Amino acid sequence: MGQRNSATVTWTGEDLNFKGSVGSGYTFDVGAGNDRIGGGPMEFLLAGVAGCTAVDMVLILQKQRQQISGISVIASGLRADSRPNVYTDVELTYIVSGQNVSPQAVERAIELSEEKYCSASVMFRRAGVVITSTYRIKEDGSEAA
């Protein structure tokens, strides 16, 4: 049997705002509409994909003995025009900081994460979401972003 995770959202009684918590104890605000507090539910899905693949990137690049000092993953999603407004396309931009980081190592880490290790990106792909990825390597000490 696999690992079971949990999340709870409770309506605050105001507009479409909710307080959320996950099984590990982290709490957050989630909402919908014009007067919302916190992030929207669909934004959290993007954050889940970005966070999942970012963890993989750190683990894989460290295992490859790359001298990384930072990893950022920016997720941008395009949703369908009609209901249900599911994600149809997601663009992931990886920004890898470090010293003498190999482009081939970064490309391999992205491939492994998105296709084998990151459950969230694999789930998106299985649901028909087209995921495209780009990356930038930022040499430590340089001003280029």
N, C-alpha and C. Protein backbone atom coordinates (compact mmCIF):
# COMPACT_ATOMS: atom_id res chain seq x y z
N MET A 1 0.86 -1.18 0.00
CA MET A 1 0.00 0.00 0.00
C MET A 1 0.89 1.23 0.00
N GLY A 2 0.52 2.24 -0.75
CA GLY A 2 1.30 3.47 -0.86
C GLY A 2 1.12 4.39 0.32
N GLN A 3 1.82 5.50 0.26
CA GLN A 3 1.76 6.52 1.31
C GLN A 3 0.48 7.31 1.19
N ARG A 4 -0.19 7.56 2.29
CA ARG A 4 -1.41 8.36 2.29
C ARG A 4 -1.09 9.74 2.84
N ASN A 5 -1.51 10.78 2.12
CA ASN A 5 -1.37 12.16 2.57
C ASN A 5 -2.75 12.72 2.85
N SER A 6 -2.80 13.82 3.59
CA SER A 6 -4.10 14.43 3.89
C SER A 6 -4.00 15.95 3.85
N ALA A 7 -5.13 16.55 3.56
CA ALA A 7 -5.27 18.00 3.58
C ALA A 7 -6.71 18.32 3.97
N THR A 8 -6.89 19.42 4.68
CA THR A 8 -8.21 19.86 5.10
C THR A 8 -8.35 21.34 4.79
N VAL A 9 -9.49 21.74 4.26
CA VAL A 9 -9.81 23.16 4.11
C VAL A 9 -11.15 23.40 4.80
N THR A 10 -11.21 24.52 5.52
CA THR A 10 -12.42 24.87 6.27
C THR A 10 -12.81 26.30 5.92
N TRP A 11 -14.05 26.47 5.54
CA TRP A 11 -14.57 27.78 5.17
C TRP A 11 -14.51 28.73 6.35
N THR A 12 -14.03 29.96 6.11
CA THR A 12 -13.93 30.96 7.18
C THR A 12 -15.27 31.62 7.46
N GLY A 13 -16.24 31.44 6.56
CA GLY A 13 -17.53 32.11 6.71
C GLY A 13 -17.57 33.42 5.95
N GLU A 14 -16.44 33.84 5.40
CA GLU A 14 -16.35 35.09 4.66
C GLU A 14 -16.02 34.82 3.21
N ASP A 15 -16.86 35.35 2.33
CA ASP A 15 -16.66 35.20 0.89
C ASP A 15 -16.34 33.75 0.54
N LEU A 16 -15.33 33.53 -0.29
CA LEU A 16 -14.89 32.18 -0.65
C LEU A 16 -13.50 31.92 -0.09
N ASN A 17 -13.31 32.28 1.18
CA ASN A 17 -12.02 32.12 1.83
C ASN A 17 -12.03 30.93 2.79
N PHE A 18 -10.88 30.24 2.81
CA PHE A 18 -10.75 29.02 3.60
C PHE A 18 -9.42 29.02 4.32
N LYS A 19 -9.36 28.33 5.42
CA LYS A 19 -8.11 28.02 6.12
C LYS A 19 -7.79 26.58 5.77
N GLY A 20 -6.55 26.35 5.41
CA GLY A 20 -6.17 25.00 5.05
C GLY A 20 -5.05 24.48 5.92
N SER A 21 -4.95 23.17 5.98
CA SER A 21 -3.84 22.53 6.68
C SER A 21 -3.55 21.21 5.99
N VAL A 22 -2.31 20.78 6.10
CA VAL A 22 -1.92 19.48 5.56
C VAL A 22 -1.49 18.59 6.72
N GLY A 23 -1.42 17.30 6.45
CA GLY A 23 -1.14 16.32 7.49
C GLY A 23 0.13 16.57 8.27
N SER A 24 1.11 17.23 7.65
CA SER A 24 2.36 17.51 8.35
C SER A 24 2.24 18.69 9.31
N GLY A 25 1.08 19.38 9.30
CA GLY A 25 0.86 20.46 10.24
C GLY A 25 0.95 21.86 9.65
N TYR A 26 1.42 21.98 8.42
CA TYR A 26 1.54 23.30 7.79
C TYR A 26 0.15 23.86 7.53
N THR A 27 -0.04 25.15 7.81
CA THR A 27 -1.32 25.81 7.57
C THR A 27 -1.16 26.91 6.52
N PHE A 28 -2.26 27.23 5.86
CA PHE A 28 -2.22 28.21 4.78
C PHE A 28 -3.63 28.74 4.54
N ASP A 29 -3.69 29.85 3.79
CA ASP A 29 -4.97 30.43 3.38
C ASP A 29 -5.20 30.09 1.91
N VAL A 30 -6.44 29.79 1.58
CA VAL A 30 -6.80 29.50 0.19
C VAL A 30 -8.14 30.16 -0.08
N GLY A 31 -8.29 30.66 -1.29
CA GLY A 31 -9.54 31.32 -1.60
C GLY A 31 -9.81 31.40 -3.08
N ALA A 32 -11.00 31.88 -3.39
CA ALA A 32 -11.41 32.07 -4.77
C ALA A 32 -12.20 33.37 -4.85
N GLY A 33 -12.36 33.91 -6.03
CA GLY A 33 -13.14 35.13 -6.20
C GLY A 33 -12.28 36.37 -6.05
N ASN A 34 -12.93 37.51 -6.11
CA ASN A 34 -12.23 38.80 -6.10
C ASN A 34 -11.69 39.19 -4.73
N ASP A 35 -12.34 38.79 -3.66
CA ASP A 35 -11.94 39.19 -2.31
C ASP A 35 -11.23 38.07 -1.57
N ARG A 36 -10.50 37.28 -2.31
CA ARG A 36 -9.87 36.11 -1.69
C ARG A 36 -8.63 36.48 -0.88
N ILE A 37 -8.37 35.65 0.09
CA ILE A 37 -7.11 35.70 0.82
C ILE A 37 -6.34 34.45 0.41
N GLY A 38 -5.05 34.50 0.43
CA GLY A 38 -4.26 33.32 0.10
C GLY A 38 -4.26 32.99 -1.37
N GLY A 39 -3.64 31.88 -1.67
CA GLY A 39 -3.55 31.43 -3.05
C GLY A 39 -4.80 30.69 -3.48
N GLY A 40 -4.96 30.59 -4.79
CA GLY A 40 -6.09 29.84 -5.33
C GLY A 40 -5.76 28.36 -5.42
N PRO A 41 -6.78 27.51 -5.39
CA PRO A 41 -6.55 26.07 -5.44
C PRO A 41 -5.70 25.64 -6.64
N MET A 42 -5.95 26.20 -7.81
CA MET A 42 -5.20 25.81 -9.00
C MET A 42 -3.75 26.30 -8.93
N GLU A 43 -3.53 27.43 -8.25
CA GLU A 43 -2.15 27.90 -8.05
C GLU A 43 -1.38 26.92 -7.18
N PHE A 44 -2.05 26.36 -6.19
CA PHE A 44 -1.39 25.39 -5.32
C PHE A 44 -0.98 24.13 -6.09
N LEU A 45 -1.77 23.75 -7.10
CA LEU A 45 -1.36 22.62 -7.93
C LEU A 45 -0.04 22.92 -8.66
N LEU A 46 0.08 24.14 -9.20
CA LEU A 46 1.33 24.53 -9.85
C LEU A 46 2.48 24.54 -8.85
N ALA A 47 2.23 25.06 -7.66
CA ALA A 47 3.27 25.08 -6.63
C ALA A 47 3.69 23.67 -6.26
N GLY A 48 2.75 22.74 -6.26
CA GLY A 48 3.07 21.36 -5.97
C GLY A 48 4.02 20.76 -7.00
N VAL A 49 3.75 21.03 -8.28
CA VAL A 49 4.65 20.53 -9.33
C VAL A 49 6.02 21.19 -9.20
N ALA A 50 6.05 22.51 -9.00
CA ALA A 50 7.33 23.22 -8.88
C ALA A 50 8.12 22.71 -7.67
N GLY A 51 7.45 22.55 -6.54
CA GLY A 51 8.13 22.08 -5.34
C GLY A 51 8.63 20.66 -5.46
N CYS A 52 7.82 19.80 -6.04
CA CYS A 52 8.18 18.39 -6.21
C CYS A 52 9.43 18.26 -7.08
N THR A 53 9.44 18.94 -8.22
CA THR A 53 10.58 18.81 -9.13
C THR A 53 11.80 19.55 -8.59
N ALA A 54 11.60 20.61 -7.82
CA ALA A 54 12.74 21.33 -7.22
C ALA A 54 13.48 20.43 -6.22
N VAL A 55 12.73 19.69 -5.42
CA VAL A 55 13.35 18.74 -4.47
C VAL A 55 14.18 17.73 -5.24
N ASP A 56 13.58 17.17 -6.29
CA ASP A 56 14.32 16.20 -7.12
C ASP A 56 15.59 16.80 -7.69
N MET A 57 15.50 18.03 -8.18
CA MET A 57 16.66 18.67 -8.80
C MET A 57 17.82 18.77 -7.81
N VAL A 58 17.53 19.19 -6.59
CA VAL A 58 18.58 19.29 -5.58
C VAL A 58 19.20 17.92 -5.33
N LEU A 59 18.36 16.91 -5.11
CA LEU A 59 18.87 15.57 -4.81
C LEU A 59 19.68 14.99 -5.97
N ILE A 60 19.18 15.12 -7.18
CA ILE A 60 19.86 14.54 -8.34
C ILE A 60 21.17 15.27 -8.62
N LEU A 61 21.14 16.60 -8.62
CA LEU A 61 22.36 17.36 -8.92
C LEU A 61 23.42 17.16 -7.83
N GLN A 62 23.00 17.06 -6.58
CA GLN A 62 23.98 16.76 -5.52
C GLN A 62 24.58 15.38 -5.72
N LYS A 63 23.75 14.42 -6.09
CA LYS A 63 24.25 13.06 -6.32
C LYS A 63 25.24 13.05 -7.50
N GLN A 64 25.01 13.92 -8.47
CA GLN A 64 25.91 14.04 -9.62
C GLN A 64 27.15 14.89 -9.28
N ARG A 65 27.26 15.27 -8.02
CA ARG A 65 28.39 16.07 -7.51
C ARG A 65 28.54 17.43 -8.20
N GLN A 66 27.39 18.00 -8.56
CA GLN A 66 27.39 19.35 -9.12
C GLN A 66 27.46 20.34 -7.96
N GLN A 67 28.21 21.42 -8.14
CA GLN A 67 28.39 22.42 -7.09
C GLN A 67 27.27 23.45 -7.18
N ILE A 68 26.08 23.06 -6.72
CA ILE A 68 24.93 23.96 -6.78
C ILE A 68 24.81 24.75 -5.49
N SER A 69 24.34 25.99 -5.63
CA SER A 69 24.09 26.82 -4.46
C SER A 69 22.64 27.27 -4.39
N GLY A 70 21.89 27.03 -5.47
CA GLY A 70 20.48 27.43 -5.48
C GLY A 70 19.72 26.79 -6.62
N ILE A 71 18.44 26.54 -6.37
CA ILE A 71 17.52 26.01 -7.37
C ILE A 71 16.22 26.77 -7.22
N SER A 72 15.71 27.31 -8.33
CA SER A 72 14.37 27.88 -8.36
C SER A 72 13.63 27.25 -9.52
N VAL A 73 12.36 26.97 -9.33
CA VAL A 73 11.52 26.46 -10.41
C VAL A 73 10.30 27.36 -10.50
N ILE A 74 10.12 27.95 -11.67
CA ILE A 74 8.97 28.82 -11.93
C ILE A 74 7.98 28.02 -12.77
N ALA A 75 6.77 27.87 -12.28
CA ALA A 75 5.73 27.14 -13.01
C ALA A 75 4.67 28.12 -13.50
N SER A 76 4.36 28.04 -14.77
CA SER A 76 3.34 28.89 -15.37
C SER A 76 2.37 27.98 -16.12
N GLY A 77 1.09 28.07 -15.79
CA GLY A 77 0.11 27.18 -16.40
C GLY A 77 -0.94 27.90 -17.20
N LEU A 78 -1.33 27.28 -18.31
CA LEU A 78 -2.42 27.77 -19.16
C LEU A 78 -3.61 26.86 -18.96
N ARG A 79 -4.76 27.46 -18.67
CA ARG A 79 -5.96 26.67 -18.39
C ARG A 79 -6.93 26.72 -19.56
N ALA A 80 -7.73 25.68 -19.68
CA ALA A 80 -8.74 25.59 -20.73
C ALA A 80 -9.75 26.72 -20.58
N ASP A 81 -10.31 27.15 -21.70
CA ASP A 81 -11.29 28.25 -21.70
C ASP A 81 -12.65 27.85 -21.15
N SER A 82 -12.98 26.56 -21.25
CA SER A 82 -14.30 26.11 -20.80
C SER A 82 -14.16 25.19 -19.59
N ARG A 83 -15.25 25.05 -18.86
CA ARG A 83 -15.26 24.22 -17.66
C ARG A 83 -15.19 22.74 -18.02
N PRO A 84 -14.49 21.95 -17.28
CA PRO A 84 -13.64 22.36 -16.17
C PRO A 84 -12.36 23.01 -16.71
N ASN A 85 -11.95 24.11 -16.10
CA ASN A 85 -10.80 24.89 -16.57
C ASN A 85 -9.49 24.25 -16.13
N VAL A 86 -9.25 23.05 -16.64
CA VAL A 86 -8.05 22.30 -16.28
C VAL A 86 -6.82 22.92 -16.92
N TYR A 87 -5.66 22.58 -16.40
CA TYR A 87 -4.43 22.99 -17.06
C TYR A 87 -4.26 22.17 -18.33
N THR A 88 -3.93 22.86 -19.41
CA THR A 88 -3.66 22.19 -20.67
C THR A 88 -2.17 22.20 -20.97
N ASP A 89 -1.52 23.28 -20.57
CA ASP A 89 -0.09 23.46 -20.81
C ASP A 89 0.56 24.06 -19.58
N VAL A 90 1.71 23.52 -19.22
CA VAL A 90 2.48 24.06 -18.10
C VAL A 90 3.92 24.24 -18.56
N GLU A 91 4.45 25.40 -18.27
CA GLU A 91 5.85 25.69 -18.59
C GLU A 91 6.63 25.76 -17.28
N LEU A 92 7.71 24.98 -17.22
CA LEU A 92 8.58 24.99 -16.05
C LEU A 92 9.91 25.61 -16.45
N THR A 93 10.32 26.61 -15.69
CA THR A 93 11.62 27.26 -15.91
C THR A 93 12.49 26.99 -14.70
N TYR A 94 13.61 26.34 -14.93
CA TYR A 94 14.55 25.98 -13.87
C TYR A 94 15.69 26.98 -13.88
N ILE A 95 16.00 27.54 -12.73
CA ILE A 95 17.14 28.42 -12.58
C ILE A 95 18.08 27.75 -11.58
N VAL A 96 19.23 27.34 -12.08
CA VAL A 96 20.20 26.59 -11.28
C VAL A 96 21.41 27.49 -11.05
N SER A 97 21.73 27.74 -9.81
CA SER A 97 22.90 28.54 -9.44
C SER A 97 23.99 27.64 -8.91
N GLY A 98 25.24 28.02 -9.20
CA GLY A 98 26.36 27.24 -8.69
C GLY A 98 27.64 27.57 -9.41
N GLN A 99 28.61 26.71 -9.23
CA GLN A 99 29.92 26.88 -9.86
C GLN A 99 30.16 25.73 -10.82
N ASN A 100 30.44 26.09 -12.07
CA ASN A 100 30.76 25.10 -13.10
C ASN A 100 29.71 24.00 -13.22
N VAL A 101 28.44 24.38 -13.15
CA VAL A 101 27.36 23.41 -13.26
C VAL A 101 27.25 22.96 -14.72
N SER A 102 27.22 21.66 -14.93
CA SER A 102 27.16 21.08 -16.27
C SER A 102 25.75 21.17 -16.85
N PRO A 103 25.62 21.76 -18.06
CA PRO A 103 24.30 21.78 -18.71
C PRO A 103 23.74 20.37 -18.92
N GLN A 104 24.61 19.42 -19.24
CA GLN A 104 24.15 18.04 -19.44
C GLN A 104 23.60 17.45 -18.15
N ALA A 105 24.22 17.78 -17.02
CA ALA A 105 23.74 17.29 -15.73
C ALA A 105 22.37 17.89 -15.42
N VAL A 106 22.18 19.17 -15.72
CA VAL A 106 20.90 19.83 -15.48
C VAL A 106 19.82 19.21 -16.36
N GLU A 107 20.13 19.00 -17.64
CA GLU A 107 19.16 18.40 -18.56
C GLU A 107 18.76 17.01 -18.10
N ARG A 108 19.72 16.22 -17.66
CA ARG A 108 19.44 14.86 -17.19
C ARG A 108 18.61 14.90 -15.91
N ALA A 109 18.91 15.83 -15.01
CA ALA A 109 18.15 15.96 -13.77
C ALA A 109 16.70 16.34 -14.06
N ILE A 110 16.49 17.25 -15.00
CA ILE A 110 15.12 17.64 -15.38
C ILE A 110 14.38 16.44 -15.94
N GLU A 111 15.02 15.71 -16.84
CA GLU A 111 14.39 14.53 -17.44
C GLU A 111 14.01 13.50 -16.38
N LEU A 112 14.94 13.19 -15.49
CA LEU A 112 14.67 12.20 -14.44
C LEU A 112 13.54 12.66 -13.53
N SER A 113 13.58 13.94 -13.14
CA SER A 113 12.56 14.45 -12.24
C SER A 113 11.19 14.39 -12.88
N GLU A 114 11.06 14.99 -14.06
CA GLU A 114 9.76 15.14 -14.69
C GLU A 114 9.16 13.83 -15.18
N GLU A 115 10.01 12.87 -15.53
CA GLU A 115 9.49 11.64 -16.12
C GLU A 115 9.52 10.43 -15.20
N LYS A 116 10.29 10.50 -14.09
CA LYS A 116 10.43 9.32 -13.24
C LYS A 116 10.14 9.59 -11.76
N TYR A 117 10.69 10.66 -11.21
CA TYR A 117 10.64 10.84 -9.76
C TYR A 117 9.55 11.77 -9.25
N CYS A 118 9.24 12.83 -9.96
CA CYS A 118 8.26 13.81 -9.46
C CYS A 118 6.84 13.33 -9.73
N SER A 119 6.20 12.85 -8.69
CA SER A 119 4.84 12.33 -8.82
C SER A 119 3.87 13.37 -9.38
N ALA A 120 4.05 14.62 -8.99
CA ALA A 120 3.13 15.67 -9.43
C ALA A 120 3.24 15.92 -10.94
N SER A 121 4.45 16.00 -11.48
CA SER A 121 4.57 16.24 -12.92
C SER A 121 4.15 15.01 -13.71
N VAL A 122 4.44 13.82 -13.21
CA VAL A 122 3.99 12.59 -13.88
C VAL A 122 2.45 12.56 -13.90
N MET A 123 1.82 12.93 -12.79
CA MET A 123 0.37 12.96 -12.71
C MET A 123 -0.21 13.95 -13.72
N PHE A 124 0.40 15.14 -13.83
CA PHE A 124 -0.05 16.13 -14.81
C PHE A 124 0.04 15.55 -16.22
N ARG A 125 1.18 14.95 -16.55
CA ARG A 125 1.35 14.37 -17.90
C ARG A 125 0.30 13.30 -18.18
N ARG A 126 0.05 12.44 -17.21
CA ARG A 126 -0.95 11.38 -17.39
C ARG A 126 -2.34 11.96 -17.59
N ALA A 127 -2.58 13.15 -17.06
CA ALA A 127 -3.87 13.82 -17.23
C ALA A 127 -3.94 14.58 -18.55
N GLY A 128 -2.87 14.54 -19.34
CA GLY A 128 -2.88 15.18 -20.65
C GLY A 128 -2.28 16.57 -20.70
N VAL A 129 -1.69 17.03 -19.61
CA VAL A 129 -1.06 18.35 -19.60
C VAL A 129 0.25 18.28 -20.38
N VAL A 130 0.45 19.22 -21.28
CA VAL A 130 1.70 19.32 -22.01
C VAL A 130 2.67 20.15 -21.17
N ILE A 131 3.77 19.54 -20.78
CA ILE A 131 4.77 20.24 -19.97
C ILE A 131 5.99 20.53 -20.83
N THR A 132 6.37 21.80 -20.86
CA THR A 132 7.61 22.19 -21.54
C THR A 132 8.55 22.77 -20.50
N SER A 133 9.82 22.52 -20.68
CA SER A 133 10.81 22.94 -19.69
C SER A 133 11.95 23.68 -20.35
N THR A 134 12.41 24.70 -19.66
CA THR A 134 13.62 25.42 -20.05
C THR A 134 14.45 25.60 -18.79
N TYR A 135 15.72 25.92 -18.97
CA TYR A 135 16.56 26.15 -17.80
C TYR A 135 17.60 27.21 -18.10
N ARG A 136 18.08 27.81 -17.01
CA ARG A 136 19.21 28.75 -17.05
C ARG A 136 20.16 28.35 -15.95
N ILE A 137 21.44 28.44 -16.26
CA ILE A 137 22.45 28.22 -15.23
C ILE A 137 23.05 29.57 -14.90
N LYS A 138 23.03 29.89 -13.63
CA LYS A 138 23.55 31.18 -13.15
C LYS A 138 24.84 30.89 -12.38
N GLU A 139 25.95 31.31 -12.95
CA GLU A 139 27.25 31.09 -12.31
C GLU A 139 27.35 31.95 -11.06
N ASP A 140 27.71 31.34 -9.93
CA ASP A 140 27.89 32.11 -8.70
C ASP A 140 28.88 33.24 -8.93
N GLY A 141 28.55 34.40 -8.42
CA GLY A 141 29.43 35.56 -8.56
C GLY A 141 29.12 36.39 -9.79
N SER A 142 28.25 35.88 -10.69
CA SER A 142 27.91 36.66 -11.88
C SER A 142 26.66 37.47 -11.58
N GLU A 143 26.47 38.50 -12.34
CA GLU A 143 25.30 39.36 -12.18
C GLU A 143 24.15 38.92 -13.07
N ALA A 144 24.40 38.01 -14.01
CA ALA A 144 23.36 37.58 -14.94
C ALA A 144 22.31 36.76 -14.22
N ALA A 145 21.05 36.98 -14.56
CA ALA A 145 19.94 36.25 -13.92
C ALA A 145 19.47 35.11 -14.78
